[in-house]
């Protein structure tokens, strides 16, 4: 009868160890998955922070007098007094293929 007690004790111990081992493996997988999600969010946060910094720098520049002048010159073809605008036209003998129906 002593051996039967040992067998029963070892069986119960084995089941307990299996339960603990399975729970540990599941929790480790969950922790790794959560860690990768946090890393992805951090990368996105860093990317967005850099974008915000670049946009703030661009905004400060465009609010300055030289930024306003440059934007006006680029977008609205404005010039300073005495400047001339040259327009370059390129003519090519190449023809684009016509689209059929």
N, C-alpha and C. Protein backbone atom coordinates (compact mmCIF):
# COMPACT_ATOMS: atom_id res chain seq x y z
N UNK A 1 0.80 -1.19 0.00
CA UNK A 1 0.00 0.00 0.00
C UNK A 1 0.85 1.27 0.00
N UNK A 2 2.04 1.18 0.46
CA UNK A 2 2.90 2.35 0.51
C UNK A 2 3.24 2.81 -0.91
N UNK A 3 3.45 1.85 -1.79
CA UNK A 3 3.78 2.21 -3.16
C UNK A 3 2.61 2.90 -3.85
N UNK A 4 1.41 2.51 -3.55
CA UNK A 4 0.22 3.12 -4.15
C UNK A 4 0.11 4.59 -3.73
N UNK A 5 0.47 4.90 -2.51
CA UNK A 5 0.46 6.29 -2.05
C UNK A 5 1.48 7.12 -2.82
N UNK A 6 2.64 6.53 -3.05
CA UNK A 6 3.68 7.24 -3.80
C UNK A 6 3.24 7.48 -5.24
N UNK A 7 2.61 6.50 -5.82
CA UNK A 7 2.13 6.64 -7.20
C UNK A 7 1.06 7.73 -7.26
N UNK A 8 0.14 7.70 -6.33
CA UNK A 8 -0.91 8.72 -6.28
C UNK A 8 -0.30 10.11 -6.06
N UNK A 9 0.64 10.23 -5.15
CA UNK A 9 1.31 11.51 -4.86
C UNK A 9 2.04 12.02 -6.09
N UNK A 10 2.77 11.13 -6.76
CA UNK A 10 3.49 11.54 -7.97
C UNK A 10 2.54 11.95 -9.09
N UNK A 11 1.41 11.25 -9.21
CA UNK A 11 0.43 11.59 -10.24
C UNK A 11 -0.15 12.98 -9.97
N UNK A 12 -0.53 13.23 -8.71
CA UNK A 12 -1.07 14.55 -8.35
C UNK A 12 -0.02 15.63 -8.58
N UNK A 13 1.21 15.36 -8.21
CA UNK A 13 2.30 16.31 -8.42
C UNK A 13 2.52 16.57 -9.91
N UNK A 14 2.45 15.53 -10.71
CA UNK A 14 2.61 15.68 -12.16
C UNK A 14 1.51 16.52 -12.76
N UNK A 15 0.27 16.31 -12.32
CA UNK A 15 -0.85 17.11 -12.82
C UNK A 15 -0.68 18.57 -12.42
N UNK A 16 -0.28 18.81 -11.18
CA UNK A 16 -0.08 20.18 -10.71
C UNK A 16 1.04 20.85 -11.51
N UNK A 17 2.14 20.15 -11.73
CA UNK A 17 3.24 20.72 -12.52
C UNK A 17 2.82 20.98 -13.96
N UNK A 18 2.00 20.10 -14.53
CA UNK A 18 1.52 20.30 -15.90
C UNK A 18 0.64 21.54 -15.97
N UNK A 19 -0.23 21.72 -14.99
CA UNK A 19 -1.11 22.89 -14.96
C UNK A 19 -0.28 24.17 -14.82
N UNK A 20 0.66 24.17 -13.90
CA UNK A 20 1.50 25.35 -13.69
C UNK A 20 2.35 25.63 -14.94
N UNK A 21 2.91 24.60 -15.54
CA UNK A 21 3.72 24.78 -16.75
C UNK A 21 2.92 25.33 -17.91
N UNK A 22 1.71 24.79 -18.09
CA UNK A 22 0.85 25.27 -19.17
C UNK A 22 0.46 26.73 -18.95
N UNK A 23 0.11 27.06 -17.73
CA UNK A 23 -0.25 28.44 -17.41
C UNK A 23 0.91 29.39 -17.62
N UNK A 24 2.11 28.94 -17.25
CA UNK A 24 3.31 29.76 -17.43
C UNK A 24 3.58 30.01 -18.91
N UNK A 25 3.48 28.97 -19.72
CA UNK A 25 3.71 29.11 -21.16
C UNK A 25 2.68 30.05 -21.78
N UNK A 26 1.43 29.91 -21.39
CA UNK A 26 0.38 30.79 -21.92
C UNK A 26 0.63 32.23 -21.54
N UNK A 27 1.00 32.47 -20.29
CA UNK A 27 1.26 33.84 -19.84
C UNK A 27 2.50 34.42 -20.52
N UNK A 28 3.53 33.62 -20.75
CA UNK A 28 4.72 34.11 -21.45
C UNK A 28 4.40 34.50 -22.88
N UNK A 29 3.58 33.70 -23.55
CA UNK A 29 3.17 34.04 -24.92
C UNK A 29 2.36 35.34 -24.93
N UNK A 30 1.47 35.46 -23.96
CA UNK A 30 0.64 36.67 -23.87
C UNK A 30 1.52 37.89 -23.59
N UNK A 31 2.50 37.74 -22.71
CA UNK A 31 3.40 38.85 -22.40
C UNK A 31 4.21 39.25 -23.63
N UNK A 32 4.68 38.27 -24.40
CA UNK A 32 5.43 38.58 -25.62
C UNK A 32 4.56 39.30 -26.65
N UNK A 33 3.32 38.85 -26.77
CA UNK A 33 2.40 39.50 -27.71
C UNK A 33 2.12 40.94 -27.28
N UNK A 34 1.89 41.15 -25.99
CA UNK A 34 1.66 42.50 -25.49
C UNK A 34 2.90 43.39 -25.66
N UNK A 35 4.07 42.79 -25.45
CA UNK A 35 5.32 43.54 -25.62
C UNK A 35 5.49 44.00 -27.06
N UNK A 36 5.17 43.11 -28.00
CA UNK A 36 5.30 43.50 -29.41
C UNK A 36 4.28 44.58 -29.77
N UNK A 37 3.09 44.51 -29.19
CA UNK A 37 2.09 45.55 -29.43
C UNK A 37 2.55 46.89 -28.87
N UNK A 38 3.14 46.88 -27.69
CA UNK A 38 3.65 48.11 -27.08
C UNK A 38 4.79 48.67 -27.92
N UNK A 39 5.68 47.80 -28.41
CA UNK A 39 6.78 48.26 -29.26
C UNK A 39 6.26 48.91 -30.53
N UNK A 40 5.24 48.31 -31.14
CA UNK A 40 4.65 48.88 -32.36
C UNK A 40 4.04 50.25 -32.07
N UNK A 41 3.35 50.37 -30.95
CA UNK A 41 2.75 51.65 -30.58
C UNK A 41 3.82 52.71 -30.30
N UNK A 42 4.92 52.30 -29.67
CA UNK A 42 6.01 53.24 -29.40
C UNK A 42 6.63 53.73 -30.70
N UNK A 43 6.83 52.83 -31.66
CA UNK A 43 7.37 53.24 -32.95
C UNK A 43 6.43 54.23 -33.64
N UNK A 44 5.13 53.96 -33.57
CA UNK A 44 4.16 54.86 -34.16
C UNK A 44 4.17 56.22 -33.45
N UNK A 45 4.30 56.19 -32.13
CA UNK A 45 4.34 57.42 -31.35
C UNK A 45 5.58 58.25 -31.70
N UNK A 46 6.72 57.60 -31.83
CA UNK A 46 7.95 58.30 -32.20
C UNK A 46 7.81 58.90 -33.60
N UNK A 47 7.24 58.12 -34.53
CA UNK A 47 7.05 58.60 -35.90
C UNK A 47 6.14 59.83 -35.92
N UNK A 48 5.03 59.74 -35.17
CA UNK A 48 4.10 60.87 -35.12
C UNK A 48 4.71 62.09 -34.43
N UNK A 49 5.53 61.85 -33.41
CA UNK A 49 6.20 62.97 -32.73
C UNK A 49 7.15 63.68 -33.68
N UNK A 50 7.89 62.91 -34.48
CA UNK A 50 8.79 63.52 -35.46
C UNK A 50 8.00 64.31 -36.50
N UNK A 51 6.88 63.76 -36.93
CA UNK A 51 6.05 64.47 -37.90
C UNK A 51 5.54 65.77 -37.32
N UNK A 52 5.11 65.74 -36.08
CA UNK A 52 4.62 66.95 -35.41
C UNK A 52 5.74 67.99 -35.32
N UNK A 53 6.94 67.55 -34.96
CA UNK A 53 8.06 68.49 -34.86
C UNK A 53 8.38 69.12 -36.22
N UNK A 54 8.37 68.30 -37.27
CA UNK A 54 8.64 68.83 -38.61
C UNK A 54 7.56 69.83 -39.03
N UNK A 55 6.30 69.51 -38.74
CA UNK A 55 5.22 70.41 -39.11
C UNK A 55 5.27 71.71 -38.30
N UNK A 56 5.65 71.62 -37.03
CA UNK A 56 5.78 72.83 -36.22
C UNK A 56 6.91 73.71 -36.73
N UNK A 57 8.02 73.09 -37.15
CA UNK A 57 9.13 73.84 -37.71
C UNK A 57 8.70 74.52 -39.01
N UNK A 58 7.99 73.78 -39.85
CA UNK A 58 7.51 74.34 -41.11
C UNK A 58 6.51 75.48 -40.85
N UNK A 59 5.66 75.33 -39.86
CA UNK A 59 4.69 76.37 -39.52
C UNK A 59 5.39 77.63 -39.03
N UNK A 60 6.39 77.47 -38.18
CA UNK A 60 7.14 78.65 -37.70
C UNK A 60 7.81 79.37 -38.87
N UNK A 61 8.36 78.59 -39.82
CA UNK A 61 9.01 79.20 -40.98
C UNK A 61 7.98 79.94 -41.84
N UNK A 62 6.83 79.31 -42.06
CA UNK A 62 5.83 79.94 -42.93
C UNK A 62 5.17 81.15 -42.27
N UNK A 63 5.29 81.28 -40.96
CA UNK A 63 4.75 82.45 -40.28
C UNK A 63 5.75 83.61 -40.25
N UNK A 64 7.00 83.34 -40.62
CA UNK A 64 8.01 84.39 -40.66
C UNK A 64 7.86 85.18 -41.95
N UNK A 65 8.38 86.39 -41.99
CA UNK A 65 8.27 87.20 -43.21
C UNK A 65 8.91 86.55 -44.43
N UNK A 66 10.08 85.95 -44.24
CA UNK A 66 10.72 85.31 -45.39
C UNK A 66 9.96 84.06 -45.83
N UNK A 67 9.32 83.38 -44.92
CA UNK A 67 8.51 82.21 -45.28
C UNK A 67 7.27 82.62 -46.06
N UNK A 68 6.65 83.71 -45.63
CA UNK A 68 5.47 84.21 -46.34
C UNK A 68 5.87 84.65 -47.75
N UNK A 69 7.00 85.34 -47.86
CA UNK A 69 7.46 85.80 -49.18
C UNK A 69 7.76 84.62 -50.09
N UNK A 70 8.40 83.61 -49.57
CA UNK A 70 8.73 82.45 -50.40
C UNK A 70 7.46 81.72 -50.86
N UNK A 71 6.52 81.54 -49.95
CA UNK A 71 5.27 80.86 -50.30
C UNK A 71 4.51 81.65 -51.35
N UNK A 72 4.48 82.97 -51.21
CA UNK A 72 3.80 83.82 -52.19
C UNK A 72 4.48 83.72 -53.55
N UNK A 73 5.79 83.68 -53.55
CA UNK A 73 6.53 83.58 -54.82
C UNK A 73 6.28 82.23 -55.48
N UNK A 74 6.24 81.16 -54.70
CA UNK A 74 6.06 79.82 -55.27
C UNK A 74 4.63 79.61 -55.76
N UNK A 75 3.68 79.91 -54.92
CA UNK A 75 2.29 79.54 -55.22
C UNK A 75 1.55 80.57 -56.08
N UNK A 76 1.88 81.84 -55.91
CA UNK A 76 1.10 82.87 -56.58
C UNK A 76 1.90 83.64 -57.62
N UNK A 77 3.12 83.19 -57.93
CA UNK A 77 3.99 83.83 -58.93
C UNK A 77 4.20 85.32 -58.66
N UNK A 78 4.29 85.66 -57.41
CA UNK A 78 4.54 87.05 -57.05
C UNK A 78 6.05 87.31 -57.12
N UNK A 79 6.39 88.56 -57.39
CA UNK A 79 7.80 88.93 -57.49
C UNK A 79 8.06 90.19 -56.68
N UNK A 80 9.34 90.42 -56.44
CA UNK A 80 9.75 91.67 -55.84
C UNK A 80 9.82 92.72 -56.94
N UNK A 81 9.72 93.96 -56.59
CA UNK A 81 9.81 95.02 -57.61
C UNK A 81 11.14 94.94 -58.36
N UNK A 82 11.06 95.01 -59.67
CA UNK A 82 12.26 94.98 -60.50
C UNK A 82 12.63 93.59 -60.99
N UNK A 83 12.01 92.56 -60.47
CA UNK A 83 12.33 91.20 -60.91
C UNK A 83 11.55 90.87 -62.18
N UNK A 84 12.10 89.96 -62.97
CA UNK A 84 11.43 89.51 -64.18
C UNK A 84 11.16 88.02 -64.07
N UNK A 85 10.06 87.61 -64.64
CA UNK A 85 9.71 86.19 -64.65
C UNK A 85 9.94 85.68 -66.07
N UNK A 86 10.70 84.61 -66.17
CA UNK A 86 10.94 83.98 -67.47
C UNK A 86 10.14 82.69 -67.53
N UNK A 87 9.49 82.51 -68.64
CA UNK A 87 8.70 81.31 -68.84
C UNK A 87 9.37 80.49 -69.93
N UNK A 88 9.70 79.26 -69.62
CA UNK A 88 10.39 78.39 -70.57
C UNK A 88 9.39 77.38 -71.09
N UNK A 89 9.24 77.34 -72.39
CA UNK A 89 8.35 76.38 -73.02
C UNK A 89 9.18 75.41 -73.84
N UNK A 90 8.89 74.16 -73.70
CA UNK A 90 9.59 73.13 -74.46
C UNK A 90 8.60 72.49 -75.40
N UNK A 91 8.95 72.52 -76.67
CA UNK A 91 8.10 71.90 -77.66
C UNK A 91 8.77 70.62 -78.13
N UNK A 92 7.98 69.59 -78.23
CA UNK A 92 8.51 68.30 -78.62
C UNK A 92 7.72 67.78 -79.81
N UNK A 93 8.40 67.11 -80.70
CA UNK A 93 7.73 66.52 -81.85
C UNK A 93 7.11 65.18 -81.51
N UNK A 94 7.34 64.69 -80.32
CA UNK A 94 6.78 63.40 -79.93
C UNK A 94 5.27 63.52 -79.74
N UNK A 95 4.60 62.47 -80.13
CA UNK A 95 3.15 62.46 -79.95
C UNK A 95 2.78 61.36 -78.98
N UNK A 96 1.81 61.65 -78.17
CA UNK A 96 1.33 60.66 -77.23
C UNK A 96 0.37 59.70 -77.96
N UNK A 97 0.43 58.42 -77.59
CA UNK A 97 -0.50 57.50 -78.24
C UNK A 97 -1.94 57.83 -77.87
N UNK A 98 -2.81 57.74 -78.86
CA UNK A 98 -4.21 58.04 -78.62
C UNK A 98 -4.89 56.83 -78.03
N UNK A 99 -5.73 57.08 -77.05
CA UNK A 99 -6.46 55.99 -76.40
C UNK A 99 -7.65 55.59 -77.26
N UNK A 100 -7.80 54.30 -77.43
CA UNK A 100 -8.93 53.80 -78.21
C UNK A 100 -10.10 53.48 -77.30
N UNK A 101 -11.27 53.24 -77.88
CA UNK A 101 -12.46 52.96 -77.06
C UNK A 101 -12.39 51.68 -76.32
